[in-house]
Amino acid sequence: MDFGVPAAAVDSGDDARCYDHYWGQVDGKWQVAHDDVSETAQWLANCLRSNGITPKEKKADNEELIKANGIDLKDCPVLEE
């Protein structure tokens, strides 16, 4: 889907109201269902690998590994595209 939102819709708040009404719940459920394969999950796994740690399958587990190993997220490399 390729679309744009007019600045006037954003400024008036219509964009947020329409998004919340039509897409908010669908998007929220999709985000939760795909959390473990998100770009953030990939970045965390890459960060662990760059620190010599084998990542887990779940994003939440990798967040715990990051904390447990004292890794500062600022030091994690950017994902290559």
PDB file of N, CA and C in Angstrom:
ATOM      1  N   MET A   1       0.851  -1.153   0.000  1.00  0.00           N
ATOM      2  CA  MET A   1       0.000   0.000   0.000  1.00  0.00           C
ATOM      3  C   MET A   1       0.905   1.225   0.000  1.00  0.00           C
ATOM      4  N   ASP A   2       0.675   2.133  -0.896  1.00  0.00           N
ATOM      5  CA  ASP A   2       1.458   3.360  -0.985  1.00  0.00           C
ATOM      6  C   ASP A   2       0.486   4.528  -0.891  1.00  0.00           C
ATOM      7  N   PHE A   3       0.690   5.367   0.096  1.00  0.00           N
ATOM      8  CA  PHE A   3      -0.217   6.492   0.270  1.00  0.00           C
ATOM      9  C   PHE A   3       0.495   7.622   0.988  1.00  0.00           C
ATOM     10  N   GLY A   4      -0.143   8.761   1.000  1.00  0.00           N
ATOM     11  CA  GLY A   4       0.368   9.908   1.735  1.00  0.00           C
ATOM     12  C   GLY A   4      -0.761  10.530   2.534  1.00  0.00           C
ATOM     13  N   VAL A   5      -0.403  11.278   3.539  1.00  0.00           N
ATOM     14  CA  VAL A   5      -1.392  11.951   4.376  1.00  0.00           C
ATOM     15  C   VAL A   5      -1.157  13.450   4.252  1.00  0.00           C
ATOM     16  N   PRO A   6      -2.179  14.192   3.847  1.00  0.00           N
ATOM     17  CA  PRO A   6      -2.013  15.641   3.738  1.00  0.00           C
ATOM     18  C   PRO A   6      -1.651  16.265   5.089  1.00  0.00           C
ATOM     19  N   ALA A   7      -0.803  17.261   5.046  1.00  0.00           N
ATOM     20  CA  ALA A   7      -0.377  17.946   6.270  1.00  0.00           C
ATOM     21  C   ALA A   7      -1.572  18.501   7.038  1.00  0.00           C
ATOM     22  N   ALA A   8      -2.584  18.969   6.319  1.00  0.00           N
ATOM     23  CA  ALA A   8      -3.767  19.529   6.986  1.00  0.00           C
ATOM     24  C   ALA A   8      -4.479  18.470   7.828  1.00  0.00           C
ATOM     25  N   ALA A   9      -4.482  17.219   7.353  1.00  0.00           N
ATOM     26  CA  ALA A   9      -5.119  16.139   8.119  1.00  0.00           C
ATOM     27  C   ALA A   9      -4.340  15.844   9.395  1.00  0.00           C
ATOM     28  N   VAL A  10      -3.019  15.922   9.304  1.00  0.00           N
ATOM     29  CA  VAL A  10      -2.185  15.708  10.492  1.00  0.00           C
ATOM     30  C   VAL A  10      -2.384  16.861  11.467  1.00  0.00           C
ATOM     31  N   ASP A  11      -2.318  18.084  10.945  1.00  0.00           N
ATOM     32  CA  ASP A  11      -2.449  19.272  11.793  1.00  0.00           C
ATOM     33  C   ASP A  11      -3.794  19.331  12.519  1.00  0.00           C
ATOM     34  N   SER A  12      -4.857  18.897  11.850  1.00  0.00           N
ATOM     35  CA  SER A  12      -6.193  18.964  12.460  1.00  0.00           C
ATOM     36  C   SER A  12      -6.472  17.805  13.410  1.00  0.00           C
ATOM     37  N   GLY A  13      -5.642  16.772  13.328  1.00  0.00           N
ATOM     38  CA  GLY A  13      -5.866  15.592  14.154  1.00  0.00           C
ATOM     39  C   GLY A  13      -6.721  14.534  13.475  1.00  0.00           C
ATOM     40  N   ASP A  14      -7.229  14.842  12.262  1.00  0.00           N
ATOM     41  CA  ASP A  14      -8.054  13.869  11.538  1.00  0.00           C
ATOM     42  C   ASP A  14      -7.276  12.604  11.214  1.00  0.00           C
ATOM     43  N   ASP A  15      -6.015  12.743  10.880  1.00  0.00           N
ATOM     44  CA  ASP A  15      -5.187  11.574  10.555  1.00  0.00           C
ATOM     45  C   ASP A  15      -5.156  10.591  11.721  1.00  0.00           C
ATOM     46  N   ALA A  16      -4.866  11.069  12.912  1.00  0.00           N
ATOM     47  CA  ALA A  16      -4.783  10.192  14.089  1.00  0.00           C
ATOM     48  C   ALA A  16      -6.143   9.587  14.424  1.00  0.00           C
ATOM     49  N   ARG A  17      -7.198  10.383  14.336  1.00  0.00           N
ATOM     50  CA  ARG A  17      -8.539   9.863  14.636  1.00  0.00           C
ATOM     51  C   ARG A  17      -8.936   8.763  13.656  1.00  0.00           C
ATOM     52  N   CYS A  18      -8.686   8.981  12.377  1.00  0.00           N
ATOM     53  CA  CYS A  18      -9.040   7.970  11.370  1.00  0.00           C
ATOM     54  C   CYS A  18      -8.193   6.718  11.542  1.00  0.00           C
ATOM     55  N   TYR A  19      -6.907   6.906  11.767  1.00  0.00           N
ATOM     56  CA  TYR A  19      -6.031   5.742  11.972  1.00  0.00           C
ATOM     57  C   TYR A  19      -6.516   4.930  13.167  1.00  0.00           C
ATOM     58  N   ASP A  20      -6.745   5.583  14.278  1.00  0.00           N
ATOM     59  CA  ASP A  20      -7.194   4.876  15.483  1.00  0.00           C
ATOM     60  C   ASP A  20      -8.495   4.124  15.231  1.00  0.00           C
ATOM     61  N   HIS A  21      -9.430   4.757  14.536  1.00  0.00           N
ATOM     62  CA  HIS A  21     -10.738   4.150  14.293  1.00  0.00           C
ATOM     63  C   HIS A  21     -10.650   2.963  13.334  1.00  0.00           C
ATOM     64  N   TYR A  22      -9.926   3.128  12.216  1.00  0.00           N
ATOM     65  CA  TYR A  22      -9.929   2.103  11.172  1.00  0.00           C
ATOM     66  C   TYR A  22      -8.797   1.086  11.274  1.00  0.00           C
ATOM     67  N   TRP A  23      -7.653   1.499  11.775  1.00  0.00           N
ATOM     68  CA  TRP A  23      -6.475   0.627  11.722  1.00  0.00           C
ATOM     69  C   TRP A  23      -5.818   0.337  13.055  1.00  0.00           C
ATOM     70  N   GLY A  24      -6.117   1.080  14.082  1.00  0.00           N
ATOM     71  CA  GLY A  24      -5.410   0.961  15.356  1.00  0.00           C
ATOM     72  C   GLY A  24      -5.366  -0.445  15.923  1.00  0.00           C
ATOM     73  N   GLN A  25      -6.515  -1.101  16.037  1.00  0.00           N
ATOM     74  CA  GLN A  25      -6.539  -2.448  16.614  1.00  0.00           C
ATOM     75  C   GLN A  25      -5.879  -3.467  15.695  1.00  0.00           C
ATOM     76  N   VAL A  26      -6.130  -3.362  14.397  1.00  0.00           N
ATOM     77  CA  VAL A  26      -5.523  -4.294  13.437  1.00  0.00           C
ATOM     78  C   VAL A  26      -4.003  -4.167  13.478  1.00  0.00           C
ATOM     79  N   ASP A  27      -3.509  -2.939  13.438  1.00  0.00           N
ATOM     80  CA  ASP A  27      -2.065  -2.716  13.457  1.00  0.00           C
ATOM     81  C   ASP A  27      -1.457  -3.190  14.766  1.00  0.00           C
ATOM     82  N   GLY A  28      -2.121  -2.908  15.867  1.00  0.00           N
ATOM     83  CA  GLY A  28      -1.613  -3.345  17.169  1.00  0.00           C
ATOM     84  C   GLY A  28      -1.481  -4.854  17.253  1.00  0.00           C
ATOM     85  N   LYS A  29      -2.503  -5.566  16.798  1.00  0.00           N
ATOM     86  CA  LYS A  29      -2.452  -7.033  16.810  1.00  0.00           C
ATOM     87  C   LYS A  29      -1.358  -7.551  15.883  1.00  0.00           C
ATOM     88  N   TRP A  30      -1.207  -6.928  14.712  1.00  0.00           N
ATOM     89  CA  TRP A  30      -0.168  -7.353  13.773  1.00  0.00           C
ATOM     90  C   TRP A  30       1.213  -7.139  14.384  1.00  0.00           C
ATOM     91  N   GLN A  31       1.425  -5.984  15.006  1.00  0.00           N
ATOM     92  CA  GLN A  31       2.728  -5.682  15.607  1.00  0.00           C
ATOM     93  C   GLN A  31       3.091  -6.709  16.670  1.00  0.00           C
ATOM     94  N   VAL A  32       2.139  -7.066  17.520  1.00  0.00           N
ATOM     95  CA  VAL A  32       2.393  -8.046  18.582  1.00  0.00           C
ATOM     96  C   VAL A  32       2.678  -9.415  17.980  1.00  0.00           C
ATOM     97  N   ALA A  33       1.899  -9.802  16.969  1.00  0.00           N
ATOM     98  CA  ALA A  33       2.067 -11.123  16.351  1.00  0.00           C
ATOM     99  C   ALA A  33       3.399 -11.264  15.625  1.00  0.00           C
ATOM    100  N   HIS A  34       3.984 -10.152  15.198  1.00  0.00           N
ATOM    101  CA  HIS A  34       5.223 -10.187  14.422  1.00  0.00           C
ATOM    102  C   HIS A  34       6.413  -9.583  15.166  1.00  0.00           C
ATOM    103  N   ASP A  35       6.292  -9.453  16.471  1.00  0.00           N
ATOM    104  CA  ASP A  35       7.332  -8.818  17.276  1.00  0.00           C
ATOM    105  C   ASP A  35       8.678  -9.537  17.170  1.00  0.00           C
ATOM    106  N   ASP A  36       8.652 -10.873  17.102  1.00  0.00           N
ATOM    107  CA  ASP A  36       9.902 -11.636  17.096  1.00  0.00           C
ATOM    108  C   ASP A  36      10.635 -11.586  15.759  1.00  0.00           C
ATOM    109  N   VAL A  37       9.996 -11.084  14.713  1.00  0.00           N
ATOM    110  CA  VAL A  37      10.651 -10.972  13.405  1.00  0.00           C
ATOM    111  C   VAL A  37      10.755  -9.515  12.949  1.00  0.00           C
ATOM    112  N   SER A  38      10.503  -8.593  13.863  1.00  0.00           N
ATOM    113  CA  SER A  38      10.561  -7.171  13.540  1.00  0.00           C
ATOM    114  C   SER A  38      12.003  -6.731  13.287  1.00  0.00           C
ATOM    115  N   GLU A  39      12.144  -5.554  12.719  1.00  0.00           N
ATOM    116  CA  GLU A  39      13.482  -5.005  12.488  1.00  0.00           C
ATOM    117  C   GLU A  39      14.217  -4.818  13.815  1.00  0.00           C
ATOM    118  N   THR A  40      13.495  -4.422  14.848  1.00  0.00           N
ATOM    119  CA  THR A  40      14.112  -4.270  16.168  1.00  0.00           C
ATOM    120  C   THR A  40      14.617  -5.606  16.684  1.00  0.00           C
ATOM    121  N   ALA A  41      13.820  -6.668  16.502  1.00  0.00           N
ATOM    122  CA  ALA A  41      14.243  -8.007  16.938  1.00  0.00           C
ATOM    123  C   ALA A  41      15.501  -8.440  16.191  1.00  0.00           C
ATOM    124  N   GLN A  42      15.556  -8.159  14.900  1.00  0.00           N
ATOM    125  CA  GLN A  42      16.735  -8.497  14.099  1.00  0.00           C
ATOM    126  C   GLN A  42      17.956  -7.712  14.575  1.00  0.00           C
ATOM    127  N   TRP A  43      17.754  -6.443  14.898  1.00  0.00           N
ATOM    128  CA  TRP A  43      18.844  -5.596  15.369  1.00  0.00           C
ATOM    129  C   TRP A  43      19.387  -6.107  16.703  1.00  0.00           C
ATOM    130  N   LEU A  44      18.480  -6.484  17.625  1.00  0.00           N
ATOM    131  CA  LEU A  44      18.924  -7.012  18.917  1.00  0.00           C
ATOM    132  C   LEU A  44      19.713  -8.307  18.739  1.00  0.00           C
ATOM    133  N   ALA A  45      19.233  -9.201  17.868  1.00  0.00           N
ATOM    134  CA  ALA A  45      19.937 -10.457  17.612  1.00  0.00           C
ATOM    135  C   ALA A  45      21.316 -10.179  17.023  1.00  0.00           C
ATOM    136  N   ASN A  46      21.383  -9.227  16.105  1.00  0.00           N
ATOM    137  CA  ASN A  46      22.664  -8.856  15.500  1.00  0.00           C
ATOM    138  C   ASN A  46      23.605  -8.269  16.547  1.00  0.00           C
ATOM    139  N   CYS A  47      23.061  -7.478  17.454  1.00  0.00           N
ATOM    140  CA  CYS A  47      23.858  -6.889  18.527  1.00  0.00           C
ATOM    141  C   CYS A  47      24.461  -7.984  19.400  1.00  0.00           C
ATOM    142  N   LEU A  48      23.647  -8.970  19.739  1.00  0.00           N
ATOM    143  CA  LEU A  48      24.157 -10.082  20.550  1.00  0.00           C
ATOM    144  C   LEU A  48      25.266 -10.827  19.810  1.00  0.00           C
ATOM    145  N   ARG A  49      25.041 -11.135  18.539  1.00  0.00           N
ATOM    146  CA  ARG A  49      26.073 -11.833  17.749  1.00  0.00           C
ATOM    147  C   ARG A  49      27.366 -11.027  17.696  1.00  0.00           C
ATOM    148  N   SER A  50      27.239  -9.703  17.550  1.00  0.00           N
ATOM    149  CA  SER A  50      28.438  -8.858  17.468  1.00  0.00           C
ATOM    150  C   SER A  50      29.205  -8.832  18.790  1.00  0.00           C
ATOM    151  N   ASN A  51      28.531  -9.258  19.857  1.00  0.00           N
ATOM    152  CA  ASN A  51      29.169  -9.351  21.172  1.00  0.00           C
ATOM    153  C   ASN A  51      29.512 -10.792  21.534  1.00  0.00           C
ATOM    154  N   GLY A  52      29.462 -11.685  20.528  1.00  0.00           N
ATOM    155  CA  GLY A  52      29.839 -13.077  20.742  1.00  0.00           C
ATOM    156  C   GLY A  52      28.812 -13.911  21.486  1.00  0.00           C
ATOM    157  N   ILE A  53      27.560 -13.470  21.478  1.00  0.00           N
ATOM    158  CA  ILE A  53      26.493 -14.173  22.199  1.00  0.00           C
ATOM    159  C   ILE A  53      25.482 -14.703  21.181  1.00  0.00           C
ATOM    160  N   THR A  54      25.134 -15.963  21.299  1.00  0.00           N
ATOM    161  CA  THR A  54      24.143 -16.562  20.406  1.00  0.00           C
ATOM    162  C   THR A  54      22.748 -16.093  20.814  1.00  0.00           C
ATOM    163  N   PRO A  55      22.032 -15.437  19.896  1.00  0.00           N
ATOM    164  CA  PRO A  55      20.700 -14.937  20.247  1.00  0.00           C
ATOM    165  C   PRO A  55      19.676 -16.064  20.354  1.00  0.00           C
ATOM    166  N   LYS A  56      18.615 -15.781  21.079  1.00  0.00           N
ATOM    167  CA  LYS A  56      17.472 -16.691  21.215  1.00  0.00           C
ATOM    168  C   LYS A  56      16.467 -16.385  20.095  1.00  0.00           C
ATOM    169  N   GLU A  57      15.404 -17.162  20.015  1.00  0.00           N
ATOM    170  CA  GLU A  57      14.388 -16.943  18.981  1.00  0.00           C
ATOM    171  C   GLU A  57      13.446 -15.792  19.316  1.00  0.00           C
ATOM    172  N   LYS A  58      13.175 -15.576  20.590  1.00  0.00           N
ATOM    173  CA  LYS A  58      12.204 -14.565  21.013  1.00  0.00           C
ATOM    174  C   LYS A  58      12.886 -13.231  21.306  1.00  0.00           C
ATOM    175  N   LYS A  59      12.271 -12.159  20.837  1.00  0.00           N
ATOM    176  CA  LYS A  59      12.800 -10.809  21.074  1.00  0.00           C
ATOM    177  C   LYS A  59      12.924 -10.531  22.564  1.00  0.00           C
ATOM    178  N   ALA A  60      11.910 -10.906  23.341  1.00  0.00           N
ATOM    179  CA  ALA A  60      11.933 -10.650  24.787  1.00  0.00           C
ATOM    180  C   ALA A  60      13.118 -11.350  25.449  1.00  0.00           C
ATOM    181  N   ASP A  61      13.431 -12.567  25.007  1.00  0.00           N
ATOM    182  CA  ASP A  61      14.587 -13.284  25.554  1.00  0.00           C
ATOM    183  C   ASP A  61      15.891 -12.570  25.205  1.00  0.00           C
ATOM    184  N   ASN A  62      15.960 -12.025  24.004  1.00  0.00           N
ATOM    185  CA  ASN A  62      17.166 -11.303  23.595  1.00  0.00           C
ATOM    186  C   ASN A  62      17.311  -9.984  24.347  1.00  0.00           C
ATOM    187  N   GLU A  63      16.185  -9.353  24.659  1.00  0.00           N
ATOM    188  CA  GLU A  63      16.247  -8.145  25.488  1.00  0.00           C
ATOM    189  C   GLU A  63      16.830  -8.484  26.858  1.00  0.00           C
ATOM    190  N   GLU A  64      16.433  -9.622  27.403  1.00  0.00           N
ATOM    191  CA  GLU A  64      16.979 -10.064  28.694  1.00  0.00           C
ATOM    192  C   GLU A  64      18.471 -10.375  28.587  1.00  0.00           C
ATOM    193  N   LEU A  65      18.886 -11.009  27.491  1.00  0.00           N
ATOM    194  CA  LEU A  65      20.314 -11.297  27.296  1.00  0.00           C
ATOM    195  C   LEU A  65      21.131 -10.008  27.210  1.00  0.00           C
ATOM    196  N   ILE A  66      20.584  -9.016  26.525  1.00  0.00           N
ATOM    197  CA  ILE A  66      21.254  -7.709  26.416  1.00  0.00           C
ATOM    198  C   ILE A  66      21.476  -7.139  27.819  1.00  0.00           C
ATOM    199  N   LYS A  67      20.417  -7.135  28.630  1.00  0.00           N
ATOM    200  CA  LYS A  67      20.512  -6.602  29.997  1.00  0.00           C
ATOM    201  C   LYS A  67      21.469  -7.428  30.850  1.00  0.00           C
ATOM    202  N   ALA A  68      21.313  -8.747  30.797  1.00  0.00           N
ATOM    203  CA  ALA A  68      22.121  -9.638  31.641  1.00  0.00           C
ATOM    204  C   ALA A  68      23.609  -9.531  31.336  1.00  0.00           C
ATOM    205  N   ASN A  69      23.933  -9.181  30.098  1.00  0.00           N
ATOM    206  CA  ASN A  69      25.337  -9.070  29.706  1.00  0.00           C
ATOM    207  C   ASN A  69      25.846  -7.635  29.744  1.00  0.00           C
ATOM    208  N   GLY A  70      25.015  -6.717  30.233  1.00  0.00           N
ATOM    209  CA  GLY A  70      25.439  -5.325  30.391  1.00  0.00           C
ATOM    210  C   GLY A  70      25.778  -4.626  29.088  1.00  0.00           C
ATOM    211  N   ILE A  71      25.099  -5.004  28.015  1.00  0.00           N
ATOM    212  CA  ILE A  71      25.375  -4.400  26.709  1.00  0.00           C
ATOM    213  C   ILE A  71      24.609  -3.086  26.596  1.00  0.00           C
ATOM    214  N   ASP A  72      25.325  -2.030  26.237  1.00  0.00           N
ATOM    215  CA  ASP A  72      24.715  -0.722  26.018  1.00  0.00           C
ATOM    216  C   ASP A  72      24.214  -0.683  24.576  1.00  0.00           C
ATOM    217  N   LEU A  73      22.926  -0.451  24.391  1.00  0.00           N
ATOM    218  CA  LEU A  73      22.349  -0.453  23.049  1.00  0.00           C
ATOM    219  C   LEU A  73      22.991   0.581  22.127  1.00  0.00           C
ATOM    220  N   LYS A  74      23.566   1.629  22.708  1.00  0.00           N
ATOM    221  CA  LYS A  74      24.249   2.635  21.888  1.00  0.00           C
ATOM    222  C   LYS A  74      25.455   2.042  21.171  1.00  0.00           C
ATOM    223  N   ASP A  75      25.984   0.941  21.703  1.00  0.00           N
ATOM    224  CA  ASP A  75      27.160   0.313  21.109  1.00  0.00           C
ATOM    225  C   ASP A  75      26.812  -0.762  20.081  1.00  0.00           C
ATOM    226  N   CYS A  76      25.530  -1.016  19.873  1.00  0.00           N
ATOM    227  CA  CYS A  76      25.114  -2.046  18.916  1.00  0.00           C
ATOM    228  C   CYS A  76      25.254  -1.518  17.488  1.00  0.00           C
ATOM    229  N   PRO A  77      25.764  -2.359  16.588  1.00  0.00           N
ATOM    230  CA  PRO A  77      25.925  -1.915  15.200  1.00  0.00           C
ATOM    231  C   PRO A  77      24.582  -1.744  14.488  1.00  0.00           C
ATOM    232  N   VAL A  78      24.595  -0.883  13.499  1.00  0.00           N
ATOM    233  CA  VAL A  78      23.420  -0.659  12.662  1.00  0.00           C
ATOM    234  C   VAL A  78      23.249  -1.871  11.751  1.00  0.00           C
ATOM    235  N   LEU A  79      22.005  -2.265  11.512  1.00  0.00           N
ATOM    236  CA  LEU A  79      21.742  -3.383  10.602  1.00  0.00           C
ATOM    237  C   LEU A  79      22.100  -2.989   9.180  1.00  0.00           C
ATOM    238  N   GLU A  80      22.739  -3.885   8.475  1.00  0.00           N
ATOM    239  CA  GLU A  80      23.029  -3.673   7.054  1.00  0.00           C
ATOM    240  C   GLU A  80      21.797  -4.070   6.253  1.00  0.00           C
ATOM    241  N   GLU A  81      21.478  -3.305   5.240  1.00  0.00           N
ATOM    242  CA  GLU A  81      20.307  -3.640   4.417  1.00  0.00           C
ATOM    243  C   GLU A  81      20.682  -4.497   3.254  1.00  0.00           C
TER     244      GLU A  81
END
